[in-house]
Amino acid sequence: MDLLGIKLKDEFSEVIGGSFSPGHDLFTINLARGKRPVNVVVKELHGFLKSYILRNGDKETQYEFTIHEQGRLVHILRFNDPDEGYHVEILVGGRLQRLFVDSGMGANGYFMVFNEDFQKIGEMSMKPLEGNDKADYGNGLPYPNFNDSSLWRGTGEVVETYLNQIIGQIALQIEAAYRKAKVDIGEPTDVSYYAQVFGVSGEELTEAAWKIGPTLGALEDHFRSRTGIIA
């Protein structure tokens, strides 16, 4: 990865700087406003970086590239990161559109939505809730809850029109990821936490994990009759 900065400047005339320190996994790419649309440049950057990391990077390392155009954040590209964001599909006028909801911006209280050409088409965020007692971002916006689309607002024609579908698909992806996750029965803190989640003792949880497997989905189904539906 040592020559990444040089290679990017050689390949892309729009790249005018950034941070490409060897040994790091967080990078910044600064773009000049050029003749080509920024989403076209970002799409080509994604292809170039994906290939470059495959050849020169570490498959166990998560790489993040924050891309700015004249000081304005335009995209964040992530590689080898299972939590990079959410891919959803919607039908717009009879045509299938594949969208990407960037989860990295969730730390700021909102999510950017891009089409398959890396063009930003809108944003979405939780609506401010008065008297909210849940964890928030410190700016009055509650922590993301994808189980209720009425709690959300969106900008951009496609995002506003299909917000319910977008939120619903994200909720399904989160649920699927949750069910695949595993309890580390060798870690007392893990056992204690999930025993409380399922309403059982640590011994019962450990015994069940040895019997049916440690995935949360299997354990949830196993204890469902005793604990009800786990949120």
Protein backbone atom coordinates (compact mmCIF):
# COMPACT_ATOMS: atom_id res chain seq x y z
CA MET A 1 0.00 0.00 0.00
CA ASP A 2 3.08 2.23 0.23
CA LEU A 3 2.76 3.55 -3.33
CA LEU A 4 -1.00 4.07 -3.28
CA GLY A 5 -0.87 7.88 -3.27
CA ILE A 6 1.49 7.97 -6.24
CA LYS A 7 -0.54 5.42 -8.17
CA LEU A 8 -3.78 7.33 -7.59
CA LYS A 9 -2.30 10.61 -8.84
CA ASP A 10 -0.87 8.85 -11.89
CA GLU A 11 -4.21 7.22 -12.69
CA PHE A 12 -6.60 10.07 -11.87
CA SER A 13 -6.00 13.68 -12.86
CA GLU A 14 -8.72 14.70 -10.38
CA VAL A 15 -6.71 13.47 -7.35
CA ILE A 16 -4.79 16.46 -6.01
CA GLY A 17 -3.87 15.21 -2.54
CA GLY A 18 -4.86 13.32 0.55
CA SER A 19 -3.38 11.21 3.29
CA PHE A 20 -1.82 7.91 2.27
CA SER A 21 0.45 7.11 5.22
CA PRO A 22 1.93 3.58 4.97
CA GLY A 23 0.74 1.21 7.68
CA HIS A 24 -2.61 2.94 8.13
CA ASP A 25 -6.08 1.78 7.11
CA LEU A 26 -7.82 5.19 7.10
CA PHE A 27 -7.17 7.34 4.05
CA THR A 28 -8.33 10.67 2.64
CA ILE A 29 -8.57 11.45 -1.06
CA ASN A 30 -8.92 15.06 -2.16
CA LEU A 31 -10.40 15.75 -5.59
CA ALA A 32 -10.32 18.88 -7.68
CA ARG A 33 -13.53 19.86 -9.39
CA GLY A 34 -12.98 18.59 -12.90
CA LYS A 35 -14.71 18.09 -16.18
CA ARG A 36 -16.18 14.73 -15.18
CA PRO A 37 -19.07 14.30 -12.70
CA VAL A 38 -17.79 13.38 -9.25
CA ASN A 39 -19.86 10.17 -9.11
CA VAL A 40 -18.11 8.94 -12.28
CA VAL A 41 -14.73 9.56 -10.66
CA VAL A 42 -15.80 7.85 -7.43
CA LYS A 43 -17.07 4.81 -9.34
CA GLU A 44 -13.72 4.49 -11.13
CA LEU A 45 -11.87 5.01 -7.84
CA HIS A 46 -13.87 2.18 -6.31
CA GLY A 47 -12.87 -0.20 -9.10
CA PHE A 48 -9.21 0.87 -8.95
CA LEU A 49 -8.98 0.63 -5.15
CA LYS A 50 -10.74 -2.73 -5.01
CA SER A 51 -8.22 -4.18 -7.46
CA TYR A 52 -5.24 -2.47 -5.80
CA ILE A 53 -6.17 -3.71 -2.31
CA LEU A 54 -6.72 -7.23 -3.63
CA ARG A 55 -3.15 -7.22 -5.01
CA ASN A 56 -1.34 -5.22 -2.33
CA GLY A 57 -3.50 -5.08 0.78
CA ASP A 58 -4.25 -7.34 3.71
CA LYS A 59 -7.49 -9.25 3.38
CA GLU A 60 -7.96 -9.12 7.17
CA THR A 61 -7.62 -5.32 7.30
CA GLN A 62 -10.60 -2.99 6.86
CA TYR A 63 -9.74 -0.03 4.64
CA GLU A 64 -11.66 3.24 4.56
CA PHE A 65 -11.28 6.07 2.05
CA THR A 66 -12.96 9.40 2.77
CA ILE A 67 -13.34 11.31 -0.49
CA HIS A 68 -13.66 15.09 -0.63
CA GLU A 69 -14.18 17.41 -3.57
CA GLN A 70 -12.86 20.89 -2.78
CA GLY A 71 -13.40 20.30 0.94
CA ARG A 72 -16.90 18.79 0.57
CA LEU A 73 -17.44 15.18 1.64
CA VAL A 74 -18.81 13.28 -1.35
CA HIS A 75 -18.35 9.61 -0.47
CA ILE A 76 -16.77 7.06 1.84
CA LEU A 77 -15.46 3.85 0.27
CA ARG A 78 -14.83 0.82 2.47
CA PHE A 79 -13.22 -2.51 1.70
CA ASN A 80 -13.13 -5.75 3.73
CA ASP A 81 -15.73 -4.21 6.03
CA PRO A 82 -18.86 -6.31 6.72
CA ASP A 83 -20.58 -3.26 8.23
CA GLU A 84 -19.97 -0.88 5.34
CA GLY A 85 -23.66 -0.23 4.77
CA TYR A 86 -26.85 -1.65 3.33
CA HIS A 87 -27.61 -2.71 -0.24
CA VAL A 88 -31.29 -2.49 -1.16
CA GLU A 89 -33.27 -3.01 -4.36
CA ILE A 90 -36.44 -1.19 -5.38
CA LEU A 91 -38.59 -1.01 -8.49
CA VAL A 92 -38.88 2.51 -9.89
CA GLY A 93 -41.11 2.83 -12.93
CA GLY A 94 -40.74 -0.88 -13.64
CA ARG A 95 -36.94 -0.66 -13.53
CA LEU A 96 -34.89 -2.32 -10.79
CA GLN A 97 -32.64 0.13 -8.98
CA ARG A 98 -29.88 -0.99 -6.64
CA LEU A 99 -29.18 1.50 -3.89
CA PHE A 100 -26.48 1.72 -1.26
CA VAL A 101 -27.22 3.25 2.14
CA ASP A 102 -23.96 4.40 3.70
CA SER A 103 -23.89 3.33 7.35
CA GLY A 104 -20.68 5.25 8.07
CA MET A 105 -22.56 8.54 8.08
CA GLY A 106 -24.89 7.14 10.75
CA ALA A 107 -22.38 8.30 13.35
CA ASN A 108 -23.39 11.85 12.40
CA GLY A 109 -27.09 11.11 12.69
CA TYR A 110 -27.91 10.62 9.03
CA PHE A 111 -27.34 8.20 6.19
CA MET A 112 -26.44 9.03 2.60
CA VAL A 113 -28.12 7.07 -0.20
CA PHE A 114 -26.38 6.36 -3.50
CA ASN A 115 -27.47 4.68 -6.71
CA GLU A 116 -25.42 1.99 -8.45
CA ASP A 117 -23.50 4.68 -10.35
CA PHE A 118 -22.22 6.09 -7.02
CA GLN A 119 -24.40 9.17 -7.45
CA LYS A 120 -25.86 10.54 -4.23
CA ILE A 121 -29.65 10.62 -4.61
CA GLY A 122 -30.72 11.55 -1.09
CA GLU A 123 -30.37 11.24 2.64
CA MET A 124 -32.34 9.72 5.49
CA SER A 125 -32.36 10.25 9.24
CA MET A 126 -34.43 9.60 12.33
CA LYS A 127 -36.97 12.29 13.16
CA PRO A 128 -36.18 14.30 16.32
CA LEU A 129 -38.24 12.98 19.22
CA GLU A 130 -39.17 15.17 22.17
CA GLY A 131 -38.52 13.57 25.51
CA ASN A 132 -36.51 10.77 23.90
CA ASP A 133 -34.75 8.77 26.62
CA LYS A 134 -32.76 6.48 24.31
CA ALA A 135 -29.12 6.89 23.39
CA ASP A 136 -28.68 9.59 20.77
CA TYR A 137 -25.98 11.34 18.80
CA GLY A 138 -25.93 14.36 21.07
CA ASN A 139 -27.88 16.49 18.60
CA GLY A 140 -31.41 15.44 19.47
CA LEU A 141 -31.56 12.60 16.94
CA PRO A 142 -32.26 9.15 18.42
CA TYR A 143 -30.17 6.08 17.70
CA PRO A 144 -31.30 4.40 14.45
CA ASN A 145 -34.33 2.16 14.82
CA PHE A 146 -35.15 0.44 11.54
CA ASN A 147 -38.14 -1.45 12.92
CA ASP A 148 -40.54 1.46 12.32
CA SER A 149 -40.32 3.44 9.09
CA SER A 150 -42.65 6.16 10.48
CA LEU A 151 -39.75 7.28 12.68
CA TRP A 152 -37.72 8.23 9.62
CA ARG A 153 -37.58 11.08 7.14
CA GLY A 154 -35.85 11.21 3.78
CA THR A 155 -34.74 13.72 1.20
CA GLY A 156 -34.53 13.18 -2.53
CA GLU A 157 -37.44 12.03 -4.69
CA VAL A 158 -36.57 8.33 -4.78
CA VAL A 159 -35.65 8.14 -1.09
CA GLU A 160 -38.82 9.96 -0.02
CA THR A 161 -41.07 7.87 -2.27
CA TYR A 162 -39.62 4.47 -1.34
CA LEU A 163 -38.53 5.19 2.22
CA ASN A 164 -40.75 2.46 3.69
CA GLN A 165 -39.25 -0.17 1.40
CA ILE A 166 -35.69 0.99 2.09
CA ILE A 167 -36.17 0.92 5.85
CA GLY A 168 -37.90 -2.47 5.66
CA GLN A 169 -35.08 -4.07 3.69
CA ILE A 170 -32.47 -2.69 6.08
CA ALA A 171 -34.42 -4.10 9.04
CA LEU A 172 -34.40 -7.55 7.43
CA GLN A 173 -30.64 -7.37 6.81
CA ILE A 174 -29.97 -6.37 10.42
CA GLU A 175 -32.15 -9.22 11.69
CA ALA A 176 -30.38 -11.73 9.43
CA ALA A 177 -26.96 -10.54 10.61
CA TYR A 178 -28.10 -10.75 14.23
CA ARG A 179 -29.29 -14.33 13.85
CA LYS A 180 -25.95 -15.38 12.30
CA ALA A 181 -23.91 -13.87 15.13
CA LYS A 182 -22.55 -16.23 17.79
CA VAL A 183 -22.30 -16.21 21.56
CA ASP A 184 -18.73 -16.72 22.72
CA ILE A 185 -19.35 -19.26 25.45
CA GLY A 186 -15.71 -18.97 26.48
CA GLU A 187 -16.21 -15.30 27.36
CA PRO A 188 -18.04 -14.77 30.69
CA THR A 189 -19.19 -11.27 29.72
CA ASP A 190 -20.77 -12.60 26.52
CA VAL A 191 -22.50 -15.42 28.38
CA SER A 192 -23.77 -13.08 31.09
CA TYR A 193 -25.13 -10.55 28.59
CA TYR A 194 -26.99 -13.02 26.37
CA ALA A 195 -28.27 -15.02 29.32
CA GLN A 196 -29.98 -11.80 30.40
CA VAL A 197 -31.25 -11.18 26.86
CA PHE A 198 -32.86 -14.63 26.71
CA GLY A 199 -34.00 -14.61 30.33
CA VAL A 200 -32.08 -17.73 31.35
CA SER A 201 -29.11 -18.58 33.54
CA GLY A 202 -25.57 -18.67 32.25
CA GLU A 203 -25.48 -22.43 32.76
CA GLU A 204 -28.67 -22.91 30.72
CA LEU A 205 -27.31 -20.72 27.92
CA THR A 206 -24.00 -22.58 27.81
CA GLU A 207 -25.72 -25.97 27.82
CA ALA A 208 -28.03 -24.91 24.98
CA ALA A 209 -25.11 -23.52 22.97
CA TRP A 210 -23.26 -26.84 23.23
CA LYS A 211 -26.41 -28.72 22.28
CA ILE A 212 -27.79 -26.73 19.34
CA GLY A 213 -24.97 -24.35 18.46
CA PRO A 214 -24.00 -20.83 19.57
CA THR A 215 -25.75 -18.77 16.89
CA LEU A 216 -28.19 -16.21 18.24
CA GLY A 217 -30.86 -17.33 15.79
CA ALA A 218 -30.74 -20.94 17.00
CA LEU A 219 -30.67 -19.88 20.64
CA GLU A 220 -33.51 -17.42 20.13
CA ASP A 221 -35.68 -20.13 18.58
CA HIS A 222 -34.72 -22.55 21.35
CA PHE A 223 -35.71 -20.19 24.16
CA ARG A 224 -38.64 -18.52 22.37
CA SER A 225 -41.32 -20.59 24.06
CA ARG A 226 -39.94 -19.53 27.45
CA THR A 227 -39.08 -15.90 26.82
CA GLY A 228 -41.47 -14.80 24.09
CA ILE A 229 -40.31 -12.96 21.02
CA ILE A 230 -36.90 -11.40 21.56
CA ALA A 231 -36.67 -7.83 20.29
